Amino acid sequence: MRRRGFLLLMGLLVLIPTLLHAQRTVCLGGHRFIPEQNVAQSTLSAQSRSGSPQLSSGLIATNGQCNALVQLRSIPSPEQRQQLARQGIRLGDYLGGNAYWALVKPEIDIKTLARASQVISLVSVRPEWKLDTALQRGEIPDYAATSPNCAKVVVRYAENATPAAVRQSLINLHLRDVQIDEFFRAAYAIMPLDAATHVAELPWVLAVALQPPAAEISN
């Protein structure tokens, strides 16, 4: 019995590094994490229900699409990206660890997704994943500080948010001097530090960072 237990323990020690390698880590906002592997779990939990189960993971739709973080088993080929788009997932920027920003249709069929795609995780994005490390710590360098309680920031937003909605939402959160760069989908503004988390909670916000220092021109 002891020998069997010892062999089982040794087998687990050999297997753990393989499992950790398979579950790729994502790094956002100074956080390292493995997204919840929830697509297969959602399918299993829905097997007792009739009809096609839909994902319920705190995703909020904006203009008919939800903003999510999607992790795949491997980097998709162009054909696989097209297949995902047909299934209701449009991949955006690559985040590392086989993960992407994505636009997801709210009515997506999880059973079909689990059977016929590489998706292993589809989750809403936590506010702390979106915030620059300096903003999380409240350590604002002089070049970005406009007062003890405000900083110059750039807010990156997803394509399902209109520039007008972005501007108004930021103004409603008391950001000032809001300027929108539609080409890069970025909003530049002066933000009260106590509004940082509220800005990051907007579902279509992808990142909130300090504006870079002004370039110096040397003769």
Protein backbone atom coordinates (compact mmCIF):
# COMPACT_ATOMS: atom_id res chain seq x y z
CA MET A 1 0.00 0.00 0.00
CA ARG A 2 2.81 2.39 0.91
CA ARG A 3 4.63 1.55 -2.31
CA ARG A 4 1.48 2.25 -4.34
CA GLY A 5 1.05 5.61 -2.60
CA PHE A 6 4.69 6.48 -3.23
CA LEU A 7 4.38 5.65 -6.93
CA LEU A 8 1.19 7.73 -7.17
CA LEU A 9 2.95 10.69 -5.55
CA MET A 10 5.90 10.40 -7.93
CA GLY A 11 3.53 10.27 -10.88
CA LEU A 12 1.83 13.47 -9.75
CA LEU A 13 5.17 15.23 -9.33
CA VAL A 14 6.05 14.33 -12.90
CA LEU A 15 2.63 15.38 -14.22
CA ILE A 16 2.32 18.76 -12.46
CA PRO A 17 4.94 20.60 -14.60
CA THR A 18 3.21 19.32 -17.74
CA LEU A 19 -0.18 20.58 -16.54
CA LEU A 20 1.26 23.96 -15.59
CA HIS A 21 2.84 24.28 -19.02
CA ALA A 22 -0.46 23.38 -20.70
CA GLN A 23 -2.29 26.10 -18.74
CA ARG A 24 -0.53 29.13 -20.13
CA THR A 25 -0.14 32.21 -17.97
CA VAL A 26 -1.42 35.63 -19.04
CA CYS A 27 0.16 38.88 -17.79
CA LEU A 28 -2.01 42.02 -17.58
CA GLY A 29 -1.78 45.08 -15.35
CA GLY A 30 1.14 43.60 -13.43
CA HIS A 31 -0.91 40.46 -12.65
CA ARG A 32 0.07 36.94 -13.72
CA PHE A 33 -2.85 34.52 -13.90
CA ILE A 34 -4.29 31.49 -15.63
CA PRO A 35 -7.80 32.32 -16.93
CA GLU A 36 -10.56 30.08 -15.64
CA GLN A 37 -10.85 27.08 -17.95
CA ASN A 38 -14.61 27.48 -18.06
CA VAL A 39 -15.83 26.54 -21.55
CA ALA A 40 -15.85 22.77 -20.97
CA GLN A 41 -17.16 23.30 -17.42
CA SER A 42 -20.03 25.42 -18.72
CA THR A 43 -20.88 22.66 -21.17
CA LEU A 44 -20.89 19.99 -18.48
CA SER A 45 -23.02 22.06 -16.12
CA ALA A 46 -25.55 22.67 -18.89
CA GLN A 47 -25.95 19.04 -19.99
CA SER A 48 -28.98 18.54 -17.77
CA ARG A 49 -30.78 21.52 -19.33
CA SER A 50 -32.65 21.43 -22.61
CA GLY A 51 -31.80 23.70 -25.52
CA SER A 52 -28.48 25.32 -26.36
CA PRO A 53 -26.71 26.68 -23.26
CA GLN A 54 -25.33 30.20 -23.38
CA LEU A 55 -22.35 31.51 -21.49
CA SER A 56 -23.13 33.35 -18.27
CA SER A 57 -19.91 34.85 -16.94
CA GLY A 58 -20.64 38.48 -16.11
CA LEU A 59 -20.26 39.64 -19.70
CA ILE A 60 -22.06 42.88 -20.56
CA ALA A 61 -23.11 43.62 -24.13
CA THR A 62 -22.28 46.96 -25.76
CA ASN A 63 -23.85 47.56 -29.17
CA GLY A 64 -24.71 43.86 -29.45
CA GLN A 65 -21.26 42.50 -28.54
CA CYS A 66 -19.57 41.53 -25.28
CA ASN A 67 -15.95 42.30 -24.43
CA ALA A 68 -14.05 39.29 -23.14
CA LEU A 69 -10.70 37.65 -22.71
CA VAL A 70 -10.51 34.43 -24.71
CA GLN A 71 -7.79 31.81 -24.30
CA LEU A 72 -7.15 29.09 -26.88
CA ARG A 73 -5.26 25.81 -26.81
CA SER A 74 -2.83 27.17 -29.40
CA ILE A 75 -2.32 30.12 -31.73
CA PRO A 76 -5.13 29.91 -34.32
CA SER A 77 -4.59 29.73 -38.04
CA PRO A 78 -6.41 32.21 -40.33
CA GLU A 79 -8.97 29.49 -41.07
CA GLN A 80 -9.55 28.87 -37.36
CA ARG A 81 -10.00 32.60 -36.75
CA GLN A 82 -12.66 32.63 -39.46
CA GLN A 83 -14.37 29.64 -37.86
CA LEU A 84 -14.42 31.41 -34.50
CA ALA A 85 -15.93 34.48 -36.15
CA ARG A 86 -18.71 32.33 -37.60
CA GLN A 87 -19.33 30.92 -34.13
CA GLY A 88 -19.62 34.41 -32.65
CA ILE A 89 -16.08 35.22 -31.44
CA ARG A 90 -13.99 37.88 -33.18
CA LEU A 91 -10.41 37.90 -31.91
CA GLY A 92 -8.62 41.19 -31.31
CA ASP A 93 -5.20 42.02 -29.87
CA TYR A 94 -2.95 39.18 -28.73
CA LEU A 95 -2.16 39.27 -24.99
CA GLY A 96 0.32 36.39 -24.67
CA GLY A 97 -0.34 32.93 -23.27
CA ASN A 98 -2.59 32.06 -26.25
CA ALA A 99 -5.06 34.72 -25.02
CA TYR A 100 -6.77 37.53 -26.92
CA TRP A 101 -9.13 40.43 -26.41
CA ALA A 102 -12.31 39.40 -28.18
CA LEU A 103 -15.77 40.56 -29.15
CA VAL A 104 -18.35 37.88 -28.37
CA LYS A 105 -22.00 37.59 -29.37
CA PRO A 106 -24.19 37.25 -26.25
CA GLU A 107 -26.15 34.33 -27.73
CA ILE A 108 -23.06 32.18 -28.38
CA ASP A 109 -23.69 28.42 -28.11
CA ILE A 110 -21.28 26.93 -25.58
CA LYS A 111 -21.81 23.29 -26.55
CA THR A 112 -20.89 24.01 -30.14
CA LEU A 113 -17.99 26.19 -29.04
CA ALA A 114 -16.53 23.46 -26.80
CA ARG A 115 -16.90 20.74 -29.43
CA ALA A 116 -15.73 22.59 -32.52
CA SER A 117 -13.12 25.15 -31.49
CA GLN A 118 -9.88 25.64 -29.59
CA VAL A 119 -11.46 27.88 -26.95
CA ILE A 120 -10.75 26.77 -23.38
CA SER A 121 -11.53 30.00 -21.53
CA LEU A 122 -13.94 32.88 -22.12
CA VAL A 123 -14.12 35.36 -19.24
CA SER A 124 -14.99 38.96 -18.49
CA VAL A 125 -11.99 41.17 -17.79
CA ARG A 126 -11.38 42.25 -14.21
CA PRO A 127 -10.75 45.98 -13.65
CA GLU A 128 -7.38 45.34 -12.00
CA TRP A 129 -6.17 43.61 -15.17
CA LYS A 130 -6.74 46.83 -17.11
CA LEU A 131 -4.98 49.28 -14.79
CA ASP A 132 -1.39 50.41 -15.17
CA THR A 133 0.74 49.27 -12.21
CA ALA A 134 1.57 52.89 -11.30
CA LEU A 135 -2.14 53.74 -11.12
CA GLN A 136 -2.84 50.72 -8.93
CA ARG A 137 -0.11 51.79 -6.51
CA GLY A 138 -0.89 55.49 -6.73
CA GLU A 139 2.74 56.18 -7.64
CA ILE A 140 2.42 58.87 -10.31
CA PRO A 141 5.65 60.25 -11.83
CA ASP A 142 6.00 64.00 -12.19
CA TYR A 143 5.59 63.94 -15.98
CA ALA A 144 2.09 62.43 -15.66
CA ALA A 145 0.86 64.23 -12.53
CA THR A 146 -1.24 67.37 -12.97
CA SER A 147 -2.03 67.74 -9.25
CA PRO A 148 -1.69 65.55 -6.14
CA ASN A 149 -4.95 63.80 -7.04
CA CYS A 150 -4.99 63.77 -10.87
CA ALA A 151 -2.93 62.25 -13.66
CA LYS A 152 -2.71 62.37 -17.44
CA VAL A 153 -3.90 59.02 -18.77
CA VAL A 154 -4.62 57.20 -22.01
CA VAL A 155 -7.65 54.91 -22.09
CA ARG A 156 -7.69 52.25 -24.80
CA TYR A 157 -11.15 51.08 -25.81
CA ALA A 158 -12.63 48.28 -27.91
CA GLU A 159 -14.20 48.79 -31.31
CA ASN A 160 -17.76 48.09 -30.12
CA ALA A 161 -17.71 51.43 -28.24
CA THR A 162 -18.39 54.58 -30.24
CA PRO A 163 -16.12 57.62 -29.77
CA ALA A 164 -19.11 59.67 -28.63
CA ALA A 165 -20.04 57.09 -25.98
CA VAL A 166 -16.43 56.87 -24.82
CA ARG A 167 -16.16 60.63 -24.44
CA GLN A 168 -19.44 60.98 -22.56
CA SER A 169 -18.74 58.03 -20.24
CA LEU A 170 -15.35 59.47 -19.27
CA ILE A 171 -16.81 62.93 -18.72
CA ASN A 172 -19.49 61.38 -16.52
CA LEU A 173 -16.66 59.94 -14.38
CA HIS A 174 -15.19 63.46 -14.04
CA LEU A 175 -12.30 63.08 -16.48
CA ARG A 176 -11.27 66.40 -18.04
CA ASP A 177 -9.82 67.54 -21.37
CA VAL A 178 -10.93 64.32 -23.08
CA GLN A 179 -9.46 63.93 -26.57
CA ILE A 180 -10.32 60.93 -28.75
CA ASP A 181 -7.96 59.33 -31.27
CA GLU A 182 -10.38 57.24 -33.33
CA PHE A 183 -7.67 55.60 -35.46
CA PHE A 184 -5.89 54.08 -32.44
CA ARG A 185 -9.10 53.81 -30.37
CA ALA A 186 -7.53 55.78 -27.52
CA ALA A 187 -8.83 58.54 -25.27
CA TYR A 188 -6.41 61.01 -23.69
CA ALA A 189 -7.60 62.82 -20.57
CA ILE A 190 -6.84 64.12 -17.09
CA MET A 191 -8.25 61.64 -14.60
CA PRO A 192 -8.90 61.95 -10.85
CA LEU A 193 -7.01 59.06 -9.26
CA ASP A 194 -10.08 57.93 -7.35
CA ALA A 195 -11.87 57.39 -10.69
CA ALA A 196 -9.32 54.86 -11.99
CA THR A 197 -11.21 51.74 -10.92
CA HIS A 198 -14.52 53.14 -12.19
CA VAL A 199 -12.97 53.78 -15.60
CA ALA A 200 -11.52 50.25 -15.68
CA GLU A 201 -14.96 48.82 -14.82
CA LEU A 202 -16.41 50.07 -18.11
CA PRO A 203 -16.79 46.83 -20.12
CA TRP A 204 -15.34 48.21 -23.37
CA VAL A 205 -12.22 49.64 -21.72
CA LEU A 206 -9.15 47.52 -22.51
CA ALA A 207 -6.43 49.40 -20.64
CA VAL A 208 -5.89 52.51 -18.53
CA ALA A 209 -2.29 53.74 -18.52
CA LEU A 210 -0.32 56.88 -17.82
CA GLN A 211 0.44 59.07 -20.80
CA PRO A 212 4.12 58.81 -21.79
CA PRO A 213 6.45 61.73 -21.11
CA ALA A 214 6.71 64.38 -23.79
CA ALA A 215 9.54 63.77 -26.24
CA GLU A 216 12.52 66.05 -25.79
CA ILE A 217 13.93 67.73 -28.89
CA SER A 218 17.69 68.11 -28.84
CA ASN A 219 19.64 70.45 -31.11
